[in-house]
Amino acid sequence: MAKQEQPLTGAALVKEVCRRIRVARSYWDAHNNAACRGERDRALALYNTLTKDQKDQIPQQLRVWLRYRSEKYFGEHRTPPKSKRKAK
């Protein structure tokens, strides 16, 4: 997949943020924490570029999951993931 030439703006940006949050939630439901963490970080980076009016267009359920629920499990206070060791 080729990278986009122009950054997203307006309704397309809001739609992409919603899509990324939903993808992160689906990874969360599938217990795929590494992929969930990556998608959540991308969604949060895009979410932080939105204006207040654009943030209000994101469904509340998605906003709550992104800011609070996922912060509980992926926040800075959590121990970062470690690489798997080989059993000896």
Protein backbone atom coordinates (compact mmCIF):
# COMPACT_ATOMS: atom_id res chain seq x y z
CA MET A 1 0.00 0.00 0.00
CA ALA A 2 1.45 3.35 -1.05
CA LYS A 3 1.69 6.23 1.39
CA GLN A 4 -0.65 9.15 0.85
CA GLU A 5 0.74 12.24 -0.83
CA GLN A 6 -1.44 14.74 1.06
CA PRO A 7 -2.38 14.68 4.73
CA LEU A 8 -6.02 14.04 5.56
CA THR A 9 -8.24 16.98 6.47
CA GLY A 10 -11.83 17.62 7.46
CA ALA A 11 -14.33 14.77 7.28
CA ALA A 12 -11.73 12.36 5.87
CA LEU A 13 -9.54 12.88 8.94
CA VAL A 14 -12.46 12.27 11.32
CA LYS A 15 -13.38 9.12 9.39
CA GLU A 16 -9.79 7.84 9.53
CA VAL A 17 -9.60 8.42 13.30
CA CYS A 18 -12.84 6.47 13.81
CA ARG A 19 -11.55 3.67 11.59
CA ARG A 20 -8.26 3.40 13.47
CA ILE A 21 -10.02 3.34 16.87
CA ARG A 22 -12.34 0.58 15.64
CA VAL A 23 -9.37 -1.43 14.33
CA ALA A 24 -7.59 -1.02 17.69
CA ARG A 25 -10.72 -2.20 19.51
CA SER A 26 -11.00 -5.24 17.27
CA TYR A 27 -7.36 -6.12 18.06
CA TRP A 28 -8.17 -5.58 21.75
CA ASP A 29 -11.12 -7.96 21.53
CA ALA A 30 -8.90 -10.53 19.81
CA HIS A 31 -6.31 -10.22 22.65
CA ASN A 32 -3.67 -9.00 20.19
CA ASN A 33 -2.12 -6.42 22.50
CA ALA A 34 0.93 -5.53 20.40
CA ALA A 35 -1.15 -4.69 17.34
CA CYS A 36 -3.72 -2.90 19.52
CA ARG A 37 -1.00 -0.74 21.05
CA GLY A 38 0.31 0.28 17.63
CA GLU A 39 -3.11 1.13 16.21
CA ARG A 40 -4.07 2.97 19.37
CA ASP A 41 -0.93 5.10 19.16
CA ARG A 42 -1.67 5.97 15.52
CA ALA A 43 -5.30 6.77 16.32
CA LEU A 44 -4.28 8.92 19.30
CA ALA A 45 -1.74 10.83 17.21
CA LEU A 46 -4.42 11.63 14.62
CA TYR A 47 -7.00 12.37 17.33
CA ASN A 48 -4.70 14.97 18.87
CA THR A 49 -4.59 16.86 15.55
CA LEU A 50 -8.38 17.32 15.50
CA THR A 51 -10.13 20.54 16.43
CA LYS A 52 -12.73 20.58 19.21
CA ASP A 53 -15.59 20.50 16.69
CA GLN A 54 -14.04 17.56 14.88
CA LYS A 55 -13.51 15.69 18.15
CA ASP A 56 -17.22 16.12 18.86
CA GLN A 57 -17.97 14.29 15.59
CA ILE A 58 -16.24 11.14 16.89
CA PRO A 59 -18.83 8.87 18.56
CA GLN A 60 -18.62 9.09 22.33
CA GLN A 61 -18.12 5.35 22.75
CA LEU A 62 -14.97 5.50 20.62
CA ARG A 63 -13.64 8.60 22.38
CA VAL A 64 -14.12 7.03 25.80
CA TRP A 65 -12.35 3.83 24.76
CA LEU A 66 -9.44 5.74 23.25
CA ARG A 67 -8.87 8.11 26.16
CA TYR A 68 -9.78 6.17 29.29
CA ARG A 69 -10.14 2.43 28.88
CA SER A 70 -7.09 1.96 26.73
CA GLU A 71 -5.07 4.38 28.89
CA LYS A 72 -5.67 2.06 31.83
CA TYR A 73 -3.91 -0.77 30.04
CA PHE A 74 -1.47 1.04 27.73
CA GLY A 75 -0.64 4.19 29.70
CA GLU A 76 2.79 5.42 30.71
CA HIS A 77 2.44 3.92 34.18
CA ARG A 78 2.33 0.40 32.71
CA THR A 79 5.37 -1.80 32.28
CA PRO A 80 6.35 -1.82 28.58
CA PRO A 81 6.08 -5.09 26.66
CA LYS A 82 9.16 -7.28 26.68
CA SER A 83 10.55 -9.58 24.04
CA LYS A 84 9.85 -13.25 24.42
CA ARG A 85 12.75 -15.34 25.68
CA LYS A 86 13.67 -18.74 24.39
CA ALA A 87 13.07 -21.58 26.81
CA LYS A 88 16.24 -23.38 27.80
